[in-house]
C-alpha atoms as a PDB file:
ATOM      1  CA  MET A   1       6.073  14.884   5.224  1.00  0.00           C
ATOM      2  CA  PRO A   2      10.396  14.845   6.776  1.00  0.00           C
ATOM      3  CA  PRO A   3      11.297  11.098   5.913  1.00  0.00           C
ATOM      4  CA  TRP A   4      11.574  10.327   9.471  1.00  0.00           C
ATOM      5  CA  LEU A   5       8.018  11.055   9.778  1.00  0.00           C
ATOM      6  CA  GLU A   6       8.296   8.219   6.905  1.00  0.00           C
ATOM      7  CA  GLU A   7       9.584   6.059   8.153  1.00  0.00           C
ATOM      8  CA  VAL A   8       7.481   6.174  11.895  1.00  0.00           C
ATOM      9  CA  LEU A   9       3.915   5.789   9.469  1.00  0.00           C
ATOM     10  CA  ALA A  10       6.184   3.348   6.670  1.00  0.00           C
ATOM     11  CA  ARG A  11       7.116   1.271  10.532  1.00  0.00           C
ATOM     12  CA  ALA A  12       3.200   1.798  11.291  1.00  0.00           C
ATOM     13  CA  LEU A  13       1.927   0.171   8.631  1.00  0.00           C
ATOM     14  CA  GLU A  14       3.857  -3.191   7.824  1.00  0.00           C
ATOM     15  CA  ARG A  15       2.739  -4.153  11.434  1.00  0.00           C
ATOM     16  CA  LEU A  16      -0.894  -3.377  11.679  1.00  0.00           C
ATOM     17  CA  CYS A  17      -1.767  -4.396   7.206  1.00  0.00           C
ATOM     18  CA  VAL A  18       0.265  -7.827   7.458  1.00  0.00           C
ATOM     19  CA  PRO A  19      -1.189  -9.935   4.464  1.00  0.00           C
ATOM     20  CA  ASP A  20      -2.886 -13.200   6.151  1.00  0.00           C
ATOM     21  CA  HIS A  21      -3.073 -15.337   3.315  1.00  0.00           C
ATOM     22  CA  GLY A  22      -0.409 -15.380   0.086  1.00  0.00           C
ATOM     23  CA  ASP A  23      -2.104 -14.020  -2.179  1.00  0.00           C
ATOM     24  CA  LEU A  24      -2.181 -10.566  -0.952  1.00  0.00           C
ATOM     25  CA  PRO A  25       1.541  -8.281  -1.432  1.00  0.00           C
ATOM     26  CA  ALA A  26       3.792  -7.060   2.224  1.00  0.00           C
ATOM     27  CA  PRO A  27       2.913  -3.230   2.069  1.00  0.00           C
ATOM     28  CA  ALA A  28       5.868  -2.492   1.116  1.00  0.00           C
ATOM     29  CA  GLU A  29       5.867  -3.868  -2.407  1.00  0.00           C
ATOM     30  CA  SER A  30       2.012  -3.212  -2.690  1.00  0.00           C
ATOM     31  CA  GLY A  31       3.051   1.206  -2.484  1.00  0.00           C
ATOM     32  CA  ALA A  32       0.700   0.833   0.766  1.00  0.00           C
ATOM     33  CA  LEU A  33       3.843   4.054   2.187  1.00  0.00           C
ATOM     34  CA  GLU A  34       3.231   6.147  -1.324  1.00  0.00           C
ATOM     35  CA  ALA A  35      -0.348   6.161  -0.836  1.00  0.00           C
ATOM     36  CA  ALA A  36      -0.917   6.876   2.511  1.00  0.00           C
ATOM     37  CA  LEU A  37       1.074   9.637   1.574  1.00  0.00           C
ATOM     38  CA  GLY A  38      -0.973  11.182  -1.062  1.00  0.00           C
ATOM     39  CA  PHE A  39      -3.771  11.072   0.953  1.00  0.00           C
ATOM     40  CA  ILE A  40      -2.273  12.809   4.637  1.00  0.00           C
ATOM     41  CA  SER A  41      -0.523  15.349   1.377  1.00  0.00           C
ATOM     42  CA  GLY A  42      -4.004  15.417   0.184  1.00  0.00           C
ATOM     43  CA  MET A  43      -5.097  17.328   4.175  1.00  0.00           C
ATOM     44  CA  PRO A  44      -6.057  20.714   4.418  1.00  0.00           C
ATOM     45  CA  PRO A  45      -2.594  21.588   6.452  1.00  0.00           C
ATOM     46  CA  ALA A  46      -3.715  22.042   9.748  1.00  0.00           C
ATOM     47  CA  THR A  47      -4.862  18.456   9.537  1.00  0.00           C
ATOM     48  CA  ARG A  48      -2.253  17.971   8.227  1.00  0.00           C
ATOM     49  CA  GLU A  49       0.068  19.337  10.803  1.00  0.00           C
ATOM     50  CA  GLU A  50      -1.809  17.442  13.187  1.00  0.00           C
ATOM     51  CA  PHE A  51      -0.887  14.233  12.052  1.00  0.00           C
ATOM     52  CA  GLN A  52       2.730  14.380  11.474  1.00  0.00           C
ATOM     53  CA  ALA A  53       2.896  15.515  15.457  1.00  0.00           C
ATOM     54  CA  MET A  54       1.079  12.434  16.050  1.00  0.00           C
ATOM     55  CA  LEU A  55       3.294  10.592  13.924  1.00  0.00           C
ATOM     56  CA  ALA A  56       6.366  12.395  15.897  1.00  0.00           C
ATOM     57  CA  LEU A  57       4.804  11.354  19.596  1.00  0.00           C
ATOM     58  CA  LEU A  58       4.269   8.317  18.188  1.00  0.00           C
ATOM     59  CA  GLU A  59       7.913   8.053  17.366  1.00  0.00           C
ATOM     60  CA  TYR A  60       7.951   8.314  21.128  1.00  0.00           C
ATOM     61  CA  SER A  61       5.242   6.831  22.472  1.00  0.00           C
ATOM     62  CA  PRO A  62       7.211   3.443  22.992  1.00  0.00           C
ATOM     63  CA  TYR A  63       8.621   5.944  26.384  1.00  0.00           C
ATOM     64  CA  ALA A  64       5.382   5.978  28.058  1.00  0.00           C
ATOM     65  CA  PHE A  65       3.698   2.571  26.905  1.00  0.00           C
ATOM     66  CA  GLY A  66       6.527   0.440  26.509  1.00  0.00           C
ATOM     67  CA  PRO A  67       7.154  -2.091  25.938  1.00  0.00           C
ATOM     68  CA  ARG A  68      10.914  -0.471  25.597  1.00  0.00           C
ATOM     69  CA  ARG A  69      12.274   2.127  26.104  1.00  0.00           C
ATOM     70  CA  GLN A  70      12.946   2.517  22.179  1.00  0.00           C
ATOM     71  CA  ARG A  71      11.429   4.633  19.790  1.00  0.00           C
ATOM     72  CA  PHE A  72       8.420   2.614  17.266  1.00  0.00           C
ATOM     73  CA  SER A  73      10.613   2.840  14.491  1.00  0.00           C
ATOM     74  CA  ARG A  74      13.450   1.000  15.505  1.00  0.00           C
ATOM     75  CA  LEU A  75      10.511  -1.758  18.355  1.00  0.00           C
ATOM     76  CA  GLY A  76      11.233  -4.907  16.976  1.00  0.00           C
ATOM     77  CA  ASP A  77       8.158  -6.476  15.023  1.00  0.00           C
ATOM     78  CA  ASP A  78       6.818  -8.465  18.546  1.00  0.00           C
ATOM     79  CA  ASP A  79       6.835  -4.887  20.199  1.00  0.00           C
ATOM     80  CA  VAL A  80       5.473  -2.560  18.172  1.00  0.00           C
ATOM     81  CA  ASP A  81       2.546  -5.105  18.123  1.00  0.00           C
ATOM     82  CA  ARG A  82       2.259  -5.438  21.654  1.00  0.00           C
ATOM     83  CA  LEU A  83       3.187  -1.606  21.569  1.00  0.00           C
ATOM     84  CA  LEU A  84      -0.119  -0.938  18.812  1.00  0.00           C
ATOM     85  CA  VAL A  85      -2.499  -3.131  20.927  1.00  0.00           C
ATOM     86  CA  THR A  86      -2.017  -1.160  23.662  1.00  0.00           C
ATOM     87  CA  LEU A  87      -3.176   2.412  21.826  1.00  0.00           C
ATOM     88  CA  GLU A  88      -5.950  -0.067  20.447  1.00  0.00           C
ATOM     89  CA  SER A  89      -6.946  -0.627  24.246  1.00  0.00           C
ATOM     90  CA  SER A  90      -6.200   2.571  25.952  1.00  0.00           C
ATOM     91  CA  SER A  91      -8.829   4.177  28.086  1.00  0.00           C
ATOM     92  CA  LEU A  92      -6.440   7.613  26.952  1.00  0.00           C
ATOM     93  CA  LEU A  93      -8.979   8.732  24.613  1.00  0.00           C
ATOM     94  CA  SER A  94      -5.356  10.747  22.589  1.00  0.00           C
ATOM     95  CA  ALA A  95      -3.941   7.605  23.201  1.00  0.00           C
ATOM     96  CA  ASN A  96      -6.798   5.645  21.149  1.00  0.00           C
ATOM     97  CA  ALA A  97      -7.544   8.540  18.914  1.00  0.00           C
ATOM     98  CA  MET A  98      -3.553   8.431  17.769  1.00  0.00           C
ATOM     99  CA  PHE A  99      -4.175   4.158  16.953  1.00  0.00           C
ATOM    100  CA  LYS A 100      -7.511   5.115  14.819  1.00  0.00           C
ATOM    101  CA  ALA A 101      -5.975   7.915  12.453  1.00  0.00           C
ATOM    102  CA  LEU A 102      -3.015   4.940  11.882  1.00  0.00           C
ATOM    103  CA  LYS A 103      -4.761   2.286  11.366  1.00  0.00           C
ATOM    104  CA  ALA A 104      -7.482   4.404   9.105  1.00  0.00           C
ATOM    105  CA  ALA A 105      -4.159   5.723   7.402  1.00  0.00           C
ATOM    106  CA  SER A 106      -2.627   2.932   6.813  1.00  0.00           C
ATOM    107  CA  MET A 107      -5.779   0.709   5.845  1.00  0.00           C
ATOM    108  CA  MET A 108      -6.659   3.290   3.153  1.00  0.00           C
ATOM    109  CA  GLY A 109      -2.792   3.484   1.889  1.00  0.00           C
ATOM    110  CA  TYR A 110      -2.614  -0.470   1.498  1.00  0.00           C
ATOM    111  CA  TRP A 111      -6.571  -1.389   0.229  1.00  0.00           C
ATOM    112  CA  SER A 112      -6.435   2.183  -2.408  1.00  0.00           C
ATOM    113  CA  ARG A 113      -3.974  -0.543  -4.409  1.00  0.00           C
ATOM    114  CA  PRO A 114      -4.412  -3.040  -7.030  1.00  0.00           C
ATOM    115  CA  GLY A 115      -2.274  -5.476  -6.152  1.00  0.00           C
ATOM    116  CA  THR A 116      -4.216  -5.644  -2.786  1.00  0.00           C
ATOM    117  CA  TRP A 117      -7.441  -6.353  -4.547  1.00  0.00           C
ATOM    118  CA  GLY A 118      -7.340  -9.873  -6.030  1.00  0.00           C
ATOM    119  CA  GLY A 119      -6.872 -11.396  -3.076  1.00  0.00           C
ATOM    120  CA  ILE A 120     -10.354  -9.732  -1.602  1.00  0.00           C
ATOM    121  CA  GLY A 121     -12.452 -11.149  -4.476  1.00  0.00           C
ATOM    122  CA  TYR A 122     -12.184  -7.365  -6.263  1.00  0.00           C
ATOM    123  CA  SER A 123     -11.259  -8.213  -9.987  1.00  0.00           C
ATOM    124  CA  LEU A 124     -10.312  -5.116 -12.385  1.00  0.00           C
ATOM    125  CA  ASP A 125     -11.571  -6.833 -15.727  1.00  0.00           C
ATOM    126  CA  GLU A 126     -15.015  -7.256 -14.253  1.00  0.00           C
ATOM    127  CA  ASN A 127     -15.059  -3.005 -13.718  1.00  0.00           C
ATOM    128  CA  PRO A 128     -14.420  -1.131 -16.374  1.00  0.00           C
ATOM    129  CA  GLY A 129     -15.047   2.418 -15.300  1.00  0.00           C
ATOM    130  CA  VAL A 130     -11.494   1.962 -12.569  1.00  0.00           C
ATOM    131  CA  PRO A 131      -8.724   4.075 -15.138  1.00  0.00           C
ATOM    132  CA  GLU A 132      -5.757   2.635 -16.244  1.00  0.00           C
ATOM    133  CA  ASP A 133      -3.513   4.535 -14.975  1.00  0.00           C
ATOM    134  CA  ARG A 134      -5.145   2.669 -11.177  1.00  0.00           C
ATOM    135  CA  ARG A 135      -4.828  -0.451 -12.535  1.00  0.00           C
END
């Protein structure tokens, strides 16, 4: 994936996965982007290309949906949040589908990281079946 698309995904991920309490790491500190990229790289080629095209559309979506005429990756936190809410609640199926795909990849990337598990009561010590490289 081109670096500029990784930047778009990272920006969305950091706003979709904002920790709501101190026990959870920030997405950038958790390795969520790397996990999401790994998930995306495992997609069939056509699906991966569609996902990358969706990220490119997301980068320029503020020009169509607001709130500012600026690339997504350059928006401030409040503007990113407003745009994501607009996509999530849109009656346009493609905009709504974009939000759902973005949220799914972001959440998978974030919650698959061991650093997030303790914050939701999941203990590695009580689950010996988790491979050492995942701890």
